[in-house]
Amino acid sequence: MNGCLGISLGDVTGIGPEVTLKALAAEASADETRYLIIGDAGHLQRLNQQLGLNLSLQSYSDSRSEGRFFVHNPFPEVLPEKMEAGSPLAAKAAMAWLKDAAQRCLDRELDGMVTAPVNKESIIRSGHSFVGQTEFLSQMAGADRTAMMLLGHDDRGRWLRVVLATTHVPLRTVAAHLTQAKVELAIELAAQSCVDLGLSRSRVAVCGLNPHAGEGGELGTEEITVVTPAVKAAQQRKLDVHGPFAADALFYYVFKGDYDAVVAMYHDQGLVPLKMIGFESGINWTLGLPFIRTSPDHGTAYNIAGQGIANPSSMQAAIRLAKQLARKRA
């Protein structure tokens, strides 16, 4: 693929800029993909020198520009060289960069986008109404049928692919947020993701919400009233979907290859096993958007920012997935 991927730089007081530059340096020889980093040129150039990466970072004018690695900053305020972790100014800049990258994807100027980590609390404190990057991008794209997939593999190349029926909601309100329509959507998008990834099949397993998948209603009725009707509806549409299963046992079978993707009912039910086996390789992929969006599955990591020790593996995996998906779409 000789197209152009966008990377929104995220919170510059975190490790986003470091893992971005390290990942790009590692991917530079893989192909001729062009990259547009949407962020602060000064921070990037200084970091590029400090890390000894010697990437040729160029100012961006338009899609016809010659080169491989470009930088564009739509944020009008000058960012000081040193800022405290979670600075409101850094949060405002991160939002401007995220919006710019998404608009360029919607305008088809970019083949897709990769988002570096942001700090939700800092963004809210800076004056934005914000739930998460996934929700922001869905709203901006006018896409109301989206879901979050997290995928990663262990050191033997065994994958887990998890789609969440609910995302960032308190545990005590999960049951109230869970609907048949949400579970059906997660199943549909999980099956389609297997096609998009070029897998040979699209076998989806569905978790129950309650321990032991409710024990026939003795430990909760959501499996009976919500999850099973969603599974049956998906089966009637000829999707290869099974469940609901007790989540504590299901992930063993998913991990050994009996299923290609799993639908989890809430955040930690799906992400604890995923991060257990693929913490450094984990990727966040937003399903259902009209453009490709991936991101590393980690946060800003302020505790190690600026030390040059951040591991770029997850960012590199996010870039590789975005390229893979873009090639398939092309």
C-alpha atoms as a PDB file:
ATOM      1  CA  MET A   1       0.000   0.000   0.000  1.00  0.00           C
ATOM      2  CA  ASN A   2       1.392   3.355  -1.009  1.00  0.00           C
ATOM      3  CA  GLY A   3      -1.371   5.430   0.540  1.00  0.00           C
ATOM      4  CA  CYS A   4      -1.262   7.654   3.620  1.00  0.00           C
ATOM      5  CA  LEU A   5      -2.202   6.831   7.202  1.00  0.00           C
ATOM      6  CA  GLY A   6      -2.911   9.527   9.751  1.00  0.00           C
ATOM      7  CA  ILE A   7      -1.685   9.377  13.350  1.00  0.00           C
ATOM      8  CA  SER A   8      -3.228  11.735  15.891  1.00  0.00           C
ATOM      9  CA  LEU A   9      -0.522  12.323  18.471  1.00  0.00           C
ATOM     10  CA  GLY A  10      -2.680  12.260  21.593  1.00  0.00           C
ATOM     11  CA  ASP A  11      -1.481  13.720  24.888  1.00  0.00           C
ATOM     12  CA  VAL A  12       2.053  15.020  24.313  1.00  0.00           C
ATOM     13  CA  THR A  13       2.786  14.862  28.047  1.00  0.00           C
ATOM     14  CA  GLY A  14       2.382  11.071  27.887  1.00  0.00           C
ATOM     15  CA  ILE A  15       4.173   8.380  25.893  1.00  0.00           C
ATOM     16  CA  GLY A  16       2.144   8.836  22.695  1.00  0.00           C
ATOM     17  CA  PRO A  17       4.802  10.819  20.796  1.00  0.00           C
ATOM     18  CA  GLU A  18       7.558   8.414  21.842  1.00  0.00           C
ATOM     19  CA  VAL A  19       5.764   5.204  20.842  1.00  0.00           C
ATOM     20  CA  THR A  20       4.600   6.849  17.615  1.00  0.00           C
ATOM     21  CA  LEU A  21       8.104   7.758  16.473  1.00  0.00           C
ATOM     22  CA  LYS A  22       9.595   4.432  17.599  1.00  0.00           C
ATOM     23  CA  ALA A  23       6.856   2.478  15.807  1.00  0.00           C
ATOM     24  CA  LEU A  24       7.288   4.479  12.608  1.00  0.00           C
ATOM     25  CA  ALA A  25      11.038   3.938  12.678  1.00  0.00           C
ATOM     26  CA  ALA A  26      10.462   0.197  13.080  1.00  0.00           C
ATOM     27  CA  GLU A  27       7.913   0.115  10.240  1.00  0.00           C
ATOM     28  CA  ALA A  28       9.836   2.388   7.851  1.00  0.00           C
ATOM     29  CA  SER A  29      11.439  -0.437   5.888  1.00  0.00           C
ATOM     30  CA  ALA A  30       8.313  -2.637   5.751  1.00  0.00           C
ATOM     31  CA  ASP A  31       6.719  -0.880   2.774  1.00  0.00           C
ATOM     32  CA  GLU A  32       6.275   2.545   1.195  1.00  0.00           C
ATOM     33  CA  THR A  33       3.318   3.702   3.274  1.00  0.00           C
ATOM     34  CA  ARG A  34       3.225   7.460   3.899  1.00  0.00           C
ATOM     35  CA  TYR A  35       2.291   8.817   7.300  1.00  0.00           C
ATOM     36  CA  LEU A  36       0.766  12.102   8.391  1.00  0.00           C
ATOM     37  CA  ILE A  37       1.396  12.747  12.084  1.00  0.00           C
ATOM     38  CA  ILE A  38      -1.118  15.294  13.299  1.00  0.00           C
ATOM     39  CA  GLY A  39       0.519  16.946  16.275  1.00  0.00           C
ATOM     40  CA  ASP A  40       3.152  19.394  17.452  1.00  0.00           C
ATOM     41  CA  ALA A  41       6.205  19.564  15.168  1.00  0.00           C
ATOM     42  CA  GLY A  42       8.487  21.033  17.823  1.00  0.00           C
ATOM     43  CA  HIS A  43       7.881  18.219  20.286  1.00  0.00           C
ATOM     44  CA  LEU A  44       8.299  15.617  17.567  1.00  0.00           C
ATOM     45  CA  GLN A  45      11.549  17.040  16.197  1.00  0.00           C
ATOM     46  CA  ARG A  46      13.106  17.303  19.650  1.00  0.00           C
ATOM     47  CA  LEU A  47      12.051  13.766  20.528  1.00  0.00           C
ATOM     48  CA  ASN A  48      13.233  12.462  17.156  1.00  0.00           C
ATOM     49  CA  GLN A  49      16.703  13.812  17.968  1.00  0.00           C
ATOM     50  CA  GLN A  50      16.731  12.652  21.592  1.00  0.00           C
ATOM     51  CA  LEU A  51      15.814   9.097  20.603  1.00  0.00           C
ATOM     52  CA  GLY A  52      18.341   9.078  17.755  1.00  0.00           C
ATOM     53  CA  LEU A  53      15.721   7.860  15.268  1.00  0.00           C
ATOM     54  CA  ASN A  54      16.626  10.283  12.467  1.00  0.00           C
ATOM     55  CA  LEU A  55      13.217  10.092  10.822  1.00  0.00           C
ATOM     56  CA  SER A  56      12.864  12.643   8.016  1.00  0.00           C
ATOM     57  CA  LEU A  57       9.886  14.614   9.348  1.00  0.00           C
ATOM     58  CA  GLN A  58       8.520  17.106   6.817  1.00  0.00           C
ATOM     59  CA  SER A  59       5.860  19.804   6.932  1.00  0.00           C
ATOM     60  CA  TYR A  60       2.665  18.786   5.164  1.00  0.00           C
ATOM     61  CA  SER A  61       0.977  20.855   2.495  1.00  0.00           C
ATOM     62  CA  ASP A  62      -1.328  18.410   0.693  1.00  0.00           C
ATOM     63  CA  SER A  63      -1.656  14.780  -0.359  1.00  0.00           C
ATOM     64  CA  ARG A  64       0.658  15.332  -3.330  1.00  0.00           C
ATOM     65  CA  SER A  65       3.632  16.240  -1.122  1.00  0.00           C
ATOM     66  CA  GLU A  66       6.774  14.207  -1.766  1.00  0.00           C
ATOM     67  CA  GLY A  67       8.083  12.181   1.181  1.00  0.00           C
ATOM     68  CA  ARG A  68       7.119   9.526   3.733  1.00  0.00           C
ATOM     69  CA  PHE A  69       6.760  11.144   7.160  1.00  0.00           C
ATOM     70  CA  PHE A  70       4.802  14.385   7.455  1.00  0.00           C
ATOM     71  CA  VAL A  71       3.708  16.557  10.362  1.00  0.00           C
ATOM     72  CA  HIS A  72       0.718  18.892  10.470  1.00  0.00           C
ATOM     73  CA  ASN A  73      -0.500  20.932  13.441  1.00  0.00           C
ATOM     74  CA  PRO A  74      -4.000  22.458  13.241  1.00  0.00           C
ATOM     75  CA  PHE A  75      -3.886  23.615  16.874  1.00  0.00           C
ATOM     76  CA  PRO A  76      -3.414  27.417  16.900  1.00  0.00           C
ATOM     77  CA  GLU A  77      -1.699  27.818  20.288  1.00  0.00           C
ATOM     78  CA  VAL A  78       2.026  27.301  20.803  1.00  0.00           C
ATOM     79  CA  LEU A  79       2.771  24.396  23.137  1.00  0.00           C
ATOM     80  CA  PRO A  80       5.620  25.063  25.575  1.00  0.00           C
ATOM     81  CA  GLU A  81       8.514  22.638  25.549  1.00  0.00           C
ATOM     82  CA  LYS A  82       7.794  21.499  29.086  1.00  0.00           C
ATOM     83  CA  MET A  83       4.269  20.894  30.412  1.00  0.00           C
ATOM     84  CA  GLU A  84       2.974  19.103  33.467  1.00  0.00           C
ATOM     85  CA  ALA A  85       1.442  15.661  32.976  1.00  0.00           C
ATOM     86  CA  GLY A  86      -2.171  15.951  31.903  1.00  0.00           C
ATOM     87  CA  SER A  87      -1.899  19.654  31.090  1.00  0.00           C
ATOM     88  CA  PRO A  88      -5.254  21.182  29.978  1.00  0.00           C
ATOM     89  CA  LEU A  89      -3.429  22.795  27.056  1.00  0.00           C
ATOM     90  CA  ALA A  90      -2.115  19.407  25.958  1.00  0.00           C
ATOM     91  CA  ALA A  91      -5.646  17.999  26.262  1.00  0.00           C
ATOM     92  CA  LYS A  92      -7.077  20.756  24.048  1.00  0.00           C
ATOM     93  CA  ALA A  93      -4.381  20.126  21.467  1.00  0.00           C
ATOM     94  CA  ALA A  94      -5.084  16.381  21.532  1.00  0.00           C
ATOM     95  CA  MET A  95      -8.750  17.023  20.758  1.00  0.00           C
ATOM     96  CA  ALA A  96      -7.883  19.336  17.860  1.00  0.00           C
ATOM     97  CA  TRP A  97      -5.555  16.689  16.421  1.00  0.00           C
ATOM     98  CA  LEU A  98      -8.130  13.918  16.819  1.00  0.00           C
ATOM     99  CA  LYS A  99     -10.804  15.964  15.065  1.00  0.00           C
ATOM    100  CA  ASP A 100      -8.461  16.938  12.225  1.00  0.00           C
ATOM    101  CA  ALA A 101      -7.425  13.345  11.577  1.00  0.00           C
ATOM    102  CA  ALA A 102     -11.034  12.157  11.561  1.00  0.00           C
ATOM    103  CA  GLN A 103     -12.103  14.882   9.140  1.00  0.00           C
ATOM    104  CA  ARG A 104      -9.289  13.955   6.760  1.00  0.00           C
ATOM    105  CA  CYS A 105     -10.477  10.340   6.892  1.00  0.00           C
ATOM    106  CA  LEU A 106     -14.055  11.413   6.190  1.00  0.00           C
ATOM    107  CA  ASP A 107     -12.768  13.484   3.270  1.00  0.00           C
ATOM    108  CA  ARG A 108     -10.833  10.393   2.065  1.00  0.00           C
ATOM    109  CA  GLU A 109      -7.569  12.259   2.191  1.00  0.00           C
ATOM    110  CA  LEU A 110      -6.266   9.522   4.515  1.00  0.00           C
ATOM    111  CA  ASP A 111      -6.663   5.754   4.195  1.00  0.00           C
ATOM    112  CA  GLY A 112      -7.249   5.453   7.930  1.00  0.00           C
ATOM    113  CA  MET A 113      -6.116   6.767  11.282  1.00  0.00           C
ATOM    114  CA  VAL A 114      -4.258   5.524  14.340  1.00  0.00           C
ATOM    115  CA  THR A 115      -4.873   7.354  17.598  1.00  0.00           C
ATOM    116  CA  ALA A 116      -2.232   7.738  20.294  1.00  0.00           C
ATOM    117  CA  PRO A 117      -3.443   7.722  23.935  1.00  0.00           C
ATOM    118  CA  VAL A 118      -5.294  10.637  25.534  1.00  0.00           C
ATOM    119  CA  ASN A 119      -6.314  11.373  29.117  1.00  0.00           C
ATOM    120  CA  LYS A 120     -10.105  11.510  29.430  1.00  0.00           C
ATOM    121  CA  GLU A 121     -10.027  13.296  32.772  1.00  0.00           C
ATOM    122  CA  SER A 122      -7.725  16.024  31.421  1.00  0.00           C
ATOM    123  CA  ILE A 123      -9.896  16.489  28.340  1.00  0.00           C
ATOM    124  CA  ILE A 124     -13.028  16.893  30.464  1.00  0.00           C
ATOM    125  CA  ARG A 125     -11.196  19.341  32.773  1.00  0.00           C
ATOM    126  CA  SER A 126     -10.148  21.347  29.716  1.00  0.00           C
ATOM    127  CA  GLY A 127     -13.802  22.024  28.906  1.00  0.00           C
ATOM    128  CA  HIS A 128     -14.784  19.230  26.514  1.00  0.00           C
ATOM    129  CA  SER A 129     -17.717  16.869  26.946  1.00  0.00           C
ATOM    130  CA  PHE A 130     -15.907  13.593  26.361  1.00  0.00           C
ATOM    131  CA  VAL A 131     -16.516   9.887  26.978  1.00  0.00           C
ATOM    132  CA  GLY A 132     -13.698   8.445  24.873  1.00  0.00           C
ATOM    133  CA  GLN A 133     -12.049   8.609  21.472  1.00  0.00           C
ATOM    134  CA  THR A 134     -14.272   5.803  20.158  1.00  0.00           C
ATOM    135  CA  GLU A 135     -17.440   7.650  21.124  1.00  0.00           C
ATOM    136  CA  PHE A 136     -16.115  10.983  19.821  1.00  0.00           C
ATOM    137  CA  LEU A 137     -15.236   9.499  16.427  1.00  0.00           C
ATOM    138  CA  SER A 138     -18.562   7.679  16.178  1.00  0.00           C
ATOM    139  CA  GLN A 139     -20.447  10.914  16.820  1.00  0.00           C
ATOM    140  CA  MET A 140     -18.310  12.887  14.400  1.00  0.00           C
ATOM    141  CA  ALA A 141     -18.863  10.298  11.663  1.00  0.00           C
ATOM    142  CA  GLY A 142     -22.589  10.062  12.369  1.00  0.00           C
ATOM    143  CA  ALA A 143     -22.128   6.342  13.001  1.00  0.00           C
ATOM    144  CA  ASP A 144     -24.502   4.935  15.615  1.00  0.00           C
ATOM    145  CA  ARG A 145     -23.716   1.252  14.958  1.00  0.00           C
ATOM    146  CA  THR A 146     -20.167   0.973  16.229  1.00  0.00           C
ATOM    147  CA  ALA A 147     -18.409  -1.268  18.724  1.00  0.00           C
ATOM    148  CA  MET A 148     -14.987  -1.605  20.273  1.00  0.00           C
ATOM    149  CA  MET A 149     -12.870  -4.618  19.408  1.00  0.00           C
ATOM    150  CA  LEU A 150      -9.681  -5.391  21.306  1.00  0.00           C
ATOM    151  CA  LEU A 151      -7.367  -7.949  19.774  1.00  0.00           C
ATOM    152  CA  GLY A 152      -3.936  -9.271  20.607  1.00  0.00           C
ATOM    153  CA  HIS A 153      -1.795 -12.394  20.584  1.00  0.00           C
ATOM    154  CA  ASP A 154       0.615 -14.221  22.826  1.00  0.00           C
ATOM    155  CA  ASP A 155       4.257 -15.076  22.059  1.00  0.00           C
ATOM    156  CA  ARG A 156       3.117 -18.177  20.155  1.00  0.00           C
ATOM    157  CA  GLY A 157       0.882 -16.212  17.809  1.00  0.00           C
ATOM    158  CA  ARG A 158      -2.425 -17.282  19.388  1.00  0.00           C
ATOM    159  CA  TRP A 159      -5.034 -14.536  19.067  1.00  0.00           C
ATOM    160  CA  LEU A 160      -7.935 -13.294  21.131  1.00  0.00           C
ATOM    161  CA  ARG A 161     -10.421 -10.966  19.440  1.00  0.00           C
ATOM    162  CA  VAL A 162     -12.986  -9.451  21.799  1.00  0.00           C
ATOM    163  CA  VAL A 163     -15.948  -7.210  20.942  1.00  0.00           C
ATOM    164  CA  LEU A 164     -17.653  -5.391  23.821  1.00  0.00           C
ATOM    165  CA  ALA A 165     -21.440  -5.138  24.033  1.00  0.00           C
ATOM    166  CA  THR A 166     -21.053  -2.313  26.581  1.00  0.00           C
ATOM    167  CA  THR A 167     -17.940  -0.233  27.140  1.00  0.00           C
ATOM    168  CA  HIS A 168     -17.233   2.497  29.671  1.00  0.00           C
ATOM    169  CA  VAL A 169     -20.100   2.138  32.131  1.00  0.00           C
ATOM    170  CA  PRO A 170     -19.965   1.456  35.882  1.00  0.00           C
ATOM    171  CA  LEU A 171     -20.239  -2.222  36.741  1.00  0.00           C
ATOM    172  CA  ARG A 172     -23.391  -1.663  38.800  1.00  0.00           C
ATOM    173  CA  THR A 173     -25.231  -0.310  35.720  1.00  0.00           C
ATOM    174  CA  VAL A 174     -24.077  -2.853  33.117  1.00  0.00           C
ATOM    175  CA  ALA A 175     -27.290  -4.907  33.244  1.00  0.00           C
ATOM    176  CA  ALA A 176     -29.395  -1.791  32.727  1.00  0.00           C
ATOM    177  CA  HIS A 177     -27.289  -0.755  29.718  1.00  0.00           C
ATOM    178  CA  LEU A 178     -27.323  -4.209  28.143  1.00  0.00           C
ATOM    179  CA  THR A 179     -29.983  -4.665  25.441  1.00  0.00           C
ATOM    180  CA  GLN A 180     -30.722  -7.296  22.834  1.00  0.00           C
ATOM    181  CA  ALA A 181     -29.973  -4.758  20.099  1.00  0.00           C
ATOM    182  CA  LYS A 182     -26.508  -4.029  21.540  1.00  0.00           C
ATOM    183  CA  VAL A 183     -25.644  -7.719  21.770  1.00  0.00           C
ATOM    184  CA  GLU A 184     -26.913  -8.344  18.233  1.00  0.00           C
ATOM    185  CA  LEU A 185     -24.820  -5.446  16.928  1.00  0.00           C
ATOM    186  CA  ALA A 186     -21.699  -6.719  18.690  1.00  0.00           C
ATOM    187  CA  ILE A 187     -22.238 -10.184  17.181  1.00  0.00           C
ATOM    188  CA  GLU A 188     -22.770  -8.749  13.696  1.00  0.00           C
ATOM    189  CA  LEU A 189     -19.661  -6.563  13.866  1.00  0.00           C
ATOM    190  CA  ALA A 190     -17.576  -9.381  15.346  1.00  0.00           C
ATOM    191  CA  ALA A 191     -18.518 -11.653  12.440  1.00  0.00           C
ATOM    192  CA  GLN A 192     -17.802  -8.916   9.881  1.00  0.00           C
ATOM    193  CA  SER A 193     -14.431  -8.196  11.486  1.00  0.00           C
ATOM    194  CA  CYS A 194     -13.355 -11.771  10.808  1.00  0.00           C
ATOM    195  CA  VAL A 195     -14.169 -11.223   7.124  1.00  0.00           C
ATOM    196  CA  ASP A 196     -12.292  -7.912   7.119  1.00  0.00           C
ATOM    197  CA  LEU A 197      -9.277  -9.644   8.644  1.00  0.00           C
ATOM    198  CA  GLY A 198      -9.325 -12.271   5.918  1.00  0.00           C
ATOM    199  CA  LEU A 199      -9.926 -15.178   8.308  1.00  0.00           C
ATOM    200  CA  SER A 200     -11.142 -18.471   6.860  1.00  0.00           C
ATOM    201  CA  ARG A 201     -14.250 -18.491   9.068  1.00  0.00           C
ATOM    202  CA  SER A 202     -16.257 -16.160  11.326  1.00  0.00           C
ATOM    203  CA  ARG A 203     -17.218 -18.289  14.309  1.00  0.00           C
ATOM    204  CA  VAL A 204     -18.344 -16.064  17.188  1.00  0.00           C
ATOM    205  CA  ALA A 205     -18.833 -17.095  20.818  1.00  0.00           C
ATOM    206  CA  VAL A 206     -20.963 -15.019  23.186  1.00  0.00           C
ATOM    207  CA  CYS A 207     -20.401 -14.631  26.922  1.00  0.00           C
ATOM    208  CA  GLY A 208     -23.179 -14.682  29.438  1.00  0.00           C
ATOM    209  CA  LEU A 209     -23.440 -11.732  31.799  1.00  0.00           C
ATOM    210  CA  ASN A 210     -23.800 -13.608  35.074  1.00  0.00           C
ATOM    211  CA  PRO A 211     -21.674 -16.311  36.744  1.00  0.00           C
ATOM    212  CA  HIS A 212     -22.215 -19.678  35.037  1.00  0.00           C
ATOM    213  CA  ALA A 213     -24.265 -17.826  32.384  1.00  0.00           C
ATOM    214  CA  GLY A 214     -27.057 -17.385  34.919  1.00  0.00           C
ATOM    215  CA  GLU A 215     -27.599 -21.060  35.879  1.00  0.00           C
ATOM    216  CA  GLY A 216     -30.945 -21.179  34.047  1.00  0.00           C
ATOM    217  CA  GLY A 217     -32.132 -17.997  35.726  1.00  0.00           C
ATOM    218  CA  GLU A 218     -31.013 -18.856  39.248  1.00  0.00           C
ATOM    219  CA  LEU A 219     -28.098 -16.369  39.137  1.00  0.00           C
ATOM    220  CA  GLY A 220     -29.698 -13.734  36.924  1.00  0.00           C
ATOM    221  CA  THR A 221     -32.124 -13.620  34.017  1.00  0.00           C
ATOM    222  CA  GLU A 222     -30.260 -11.504  31.448  1.00  0.00           C
ATOM    223  CA  GLU A 223     -29.112 -14.608  29.574  1.00  0.00           C
ATOM    224  CA  ILE A 224     -32.756 -15.596  29.117  1.00  0.00           C
ATOM    225  CA  THR A 225     -34.234 -12.174  28.362  1.00  0.00           C
ATOM    226  CA  VAL A 226     -31.406 -10.437  26.457  1.00  0.00           C
ATOM    227  CA  VAL A 227     -28.426 -12.533  25.398  1.00  0.00           C
ATOM    228  CA  THR A 228     -30.051 -15.727  24.134  1.00  0.00           C
ATOM    229  CA  PRO A 229     -32.647 -13.861  22.018  1.00  0.00           C
ATOM    230  CA  ALA A 230     -29.778 -11.891  20.441  1.00  0.00           C
ATOM    231  CA  VAL A 231     -27.851 -15.085  19.658  1.00  0.00           C
ATOM    232  CA  LYS A 232     -30.939 -16.733  18.151  1.00  0.00           C
ATOM    233  CA  ALA A 233     -31.689 -13.652  16.043  1.00  0.00           C
ATOM    234  CA  ALA A 234     -28.124 -13.692  14.697  1.00  0.00           C
ATOM    235  CA  GLN A 235     -28.386 -17.439  13.961  1.00  0.00           C
ATOM    236  CA  GLN A 236     -31.551 -16.800  11.979  1.00  0.00           C
ATOM    237  CA  ARG A 237     -29.458 -14.442   9.838  1.00  0.00           C
ATOM    238  CA  LYS A 238     -27.109 -17.384   9.174  1.00  0.00           C
ATOM    239  CA  LEU A 239     -24.269 -16.057  11.344  1.00  0.00           C
ATOM    240  CA  ASP A 240     -22.001 -18.703  12.875  1.00  0.00           C
ATOM    241  CA  VAL A 241     -22.606 -17.659  16.482  1.00  0.00           C
ATOM    242  CA  HIS A 242     -22.842 -19.727  19.660  1.00  0.00           C
ATOM    243  CA  GLY A 243     -23.727 -19.149  23.312  1.00  0.00           C
ATOM    244  CA  PRO A 244     -24.256 -17.668  25.772  1.00  0.00           C
ATOM    245  CA  PHE A 245     -21.479 -19.456  27.624  1.00  0.00           C
ATOM    246  CA  ALA A 246     -20.054 -19.019  31.105  1.00  0.00           C
ATOM    247  CA  ALA A 247     -17.259 -16.510  30.531  1.00  0.00           C
ATOM    248  CA  ASP A 248     -14.799 -18.120  32.956  1.00  0.00           C
ATOM    249  CA  ALA A 249     -14.598 -21.265  30.801  1.00  0.00           C
ATOM    250  CA  LEU A 250     -15.299 -19.741  27.390  1.00  0.00           C
ATOM    251  CA  PHE A 251     -12.035 -17.843  27.015  1.00  0.00           C
ATOM    252  CA  TYR A 252     -10.062 -21.079  27.320  1.00  0.00           C
ATOM    253  CA  TYR A 253     -11.826 -22.472  24.243  1.00  0.00           C
ATOM    254  CA  VAL A 254     -11.578 -19.205  22.328  1.00  0.00           C
ATOM    255  CA  PHE A 255      -7.853 -19.010  23.035  1.00  0.00           C
ATOM    256  CA  LYS A 256      -7.178 -22.534  21.817  1.00  0.00           C
ATOM    257  CA  GLY A 257      -8.906 -21.753  18.526  1.00  0.00           C
ATOM    258  CA  ASP A 258     -12.449 -23.122  18.752  1.00  0.00           C
ATOM    259  CA  TYR A 259     -13.831 -19.654  18.006  1.00  0.00           C
ATOM    260  CA  ASP A 260     -12.515 -16.693  16.027  1.00  0.00           C
ATOM    261  CA  ALA A 261     -14.007 -13.867  18.081  1.00  0.00           C
ATOM    262  CA  VAL A 262     -15.873 -13.464  21.339  1.00  0.00           C
ATOM    263  CA  VAL A 263     -18.565 -10.994  22.375  1.00  0.00           C
ATOM    264  CA  ALA A 264     -18.165  -9.905  25.998  1.00  0.00           C
ATOM    265  CA  MET A 265     -20.936  -8.228  27.936  1.00  0.00           C
ATOM    266  CA  TYR A 266     -18.823  -5.624  29.728  1.00  0.00           C
ATOM    267  CA  HIS A 267     -15.383  -4.025  29.723  1.00  0.00           C
ATOM    268  CA  ASP A 268     -13.360  -6.076  32.206  1.00  0.00           C
ATOM    269  CA  GLN A 269     -15.017  -9.385  31.314  1.00  0.00           C
ATOM    270  CA  GLY A 270     -13.428  -9.120  27.871  1.00  0.00           C
ATOM    271  CA  LEU A 271     -10.306  -7.121  28.482  1.00  0.00           C
ATOM    272  CA  VAL A 272      -8.790  -8.923  31.469  1.00  0.00           C
ATOM    273  CA  PRO A 273      -8.113 -12.128  29.472  1.00  0.00           C
ATOM    274  CA  LEU A 274      -7.084 -10.108  26.405  1.00  0.00           C
ATOM    275  CA  LYS A 275      -4.497  -8.090  28.326  1.00  0.00           C
ATOM    276  CA  MET A 276      -3.318 -11.210  30.141  1.00  0.00           C
ATOM    277  CA  ILE A 277      -2.125 -12.762  26.887  1.00  0.00           C
ATOM    278  CA  GLY A 278      -1.469  -9.710  24.711  1.00  0.00           C
ATOM    279  CA  PHE A 279      -0.611  -6.755  26.917  1.00  0.00           C
ATOM    280  CA  GLU A 280       2.214  -5.552  24.677  1.00  0.00           C
ATOM    281  CA  SER A 281       0.565  -6.456  21.364  1.00  0.00           C
ATOM    282  CA  GLY A 282      -2.991  -5.338  22.127  1.00  0.00           C
ATOM    283  CA  ILE A 283      -4.873  -3.211  19.599  1.00  0.00           C
ATOM    284  CA  ASN A 284      -8.117  -1.256  19.865  1.00  0.00           C
ATOM    285  CA  TRP A 285     -10.101  -1.341  16.604  1.00  0.00           C
ATOM    286  CA  THR A 286     -13.329   0.637  16.234  1.00  0.00           C
ATOM    287  CA  LEU A 287     -15.796  -1.459  14.240  1.00  0.00           C
ATOM    288  CA  GLY A 288     -18.599   0.140  12.245  1.00  0.00           C
ATOM    289  CA  LEU A 289     -16.972   3.477  11.408  1.00  0.00           C
ATOM    290  CA  PRO A 290     -16.930   4.623   7.759  1.00  0.00           C
ATOM    291  CA  PHE A 291     -13.128   4.754   8.009  1.00  0.00           C
ATOM    292  CA  ILE A 292     -10.358   2.692   9.588  1.00  0.00           C
ATOM    293  CA  ARG A 293      -9.407   3.591  13.149  1.00  0.00           C
ATOM    294  CA  THR A 294      -7.040   1.637  15.359  1.00  0.00           C
ATOM    295  CA  SER A 295      -5.070   2.532  18.476  1.00  0.00           C
ATOM    296  CA  PRO A 296      -2.622   0.971  20.925  1.00  0.00           C
ATOM    297  CA  ASP A 297      -4.284  -0.682  23.887  1.00  0.00           C
ATOM    298  CA  HIS A 298      -2.585   1.344  26.602  1.00  0.00           C
ATOM    299  CA  GLY A 299      -2.811   4.755  28.180  1.00  0.00           C
ATOM    300  CA  THR A 300      -0.613   7.826  28.541  1.00  0.00           C
ATOM    301  CA  ALA A 301       1.751   6.180  31.091  1.00  0.00           C
ATOM    302  CA  TYR A 302       2.848   9.491  32.629  1.00  0.00           C
ATOM    303  CA  ASN A 303       5.091   7.587  35.060  1.00  0.00           C
ATOM    304  CA  ILE A 304       7.542   6.685  32.260  1.00  0.00           C
ATOM    305  CA  ALA A 305       6.940   9.571  29.840  1.00  0.00           C
ATOM    306  CA  GLY A 306      10.094  11.382  28.754  1.00  0.00           C
ATOM    307  CA  GLN A 307      12.434   8.584  29.832  1.00  0.00           C
ATOM    308  CA  GLY A 308      12.843   6.947  26.413  1.00  0.00           C
ATOM    309  CA  ILE A 309      11.851   3.516  27.737  1.00  0.00           C
ATOM    310  CA  ALA A 310       8.270   3.183  26.428  1.00  0.00           C
ATOM    311  CA  ASN A 311       7.557  -0.029  24.502  1.00  0.00           C
ATOM    312  CA  PRO A 312       6.168   0.765  21.016  1.00  0.00           C
ATOM    313  CA  SER A 313       4.899  -2.783  20.306  1.00  0.00           C
ATOM    314  CA  SER A 314       1.212  -1.963  20.727  1.00  0.00           C
ATOM    315  CA  MET A 315       1.460   1.168  18.574  1.00  0.00           C
ATOM    316  CA  GLN A 316       3.358  -0.776  15.927  1.00  0.00           C
ATOM    317  CA  ALA A 317       0.660  -3.468  15.967  1.00  0.00           C
ATOM    318  CA  ALA A 318      -2.035  -0.790  15.604  1.00  0.00           C
ATOM    319  CA  ILE A 319      -0.217   0.691  12.595  1.00  0.00           C
ATOM    320  CA  ARG A 320       0.192  -2.744  11.008  1.00  0.00           C
ATOM    321  CA  LEU A 321      -3.490  -3.557  11.437  1.00  0.00           C
ATOM    322  CA  ALA A 322      -4.522  -0.215   9.933  1.00  0.00           C
ATOM    323  CA  LYS A 323      -2.286  -0.912   6.941  1.00  0.00           C
ATOM    324  CA  GLN A 324      -3.667  -4.449   6.573  1.00  0.00           C
ATOM    325  CA  LEU A 325      -7.260  -3.197   6.613  1.00  0.00           C
ATOM    326  CA  ALA A 326      -6.461  -0.378   4.188  1.00  0.00           C
ATOM    327  CA  ARG A 327      -4.871  -2.806   1.740  1.00  0.00           C
ATOM    328  CA  LYS A 328      -7.967  -5.001   1.836  1.00  0.00           C
ATOM    329  CA  ARG A 329     -10.293  -2.037   1.277  1.00  0.00           C
ATOM    330  CA  ALA A 330      -8.177  -0.812  -1.617  1.00  0.00           C
END
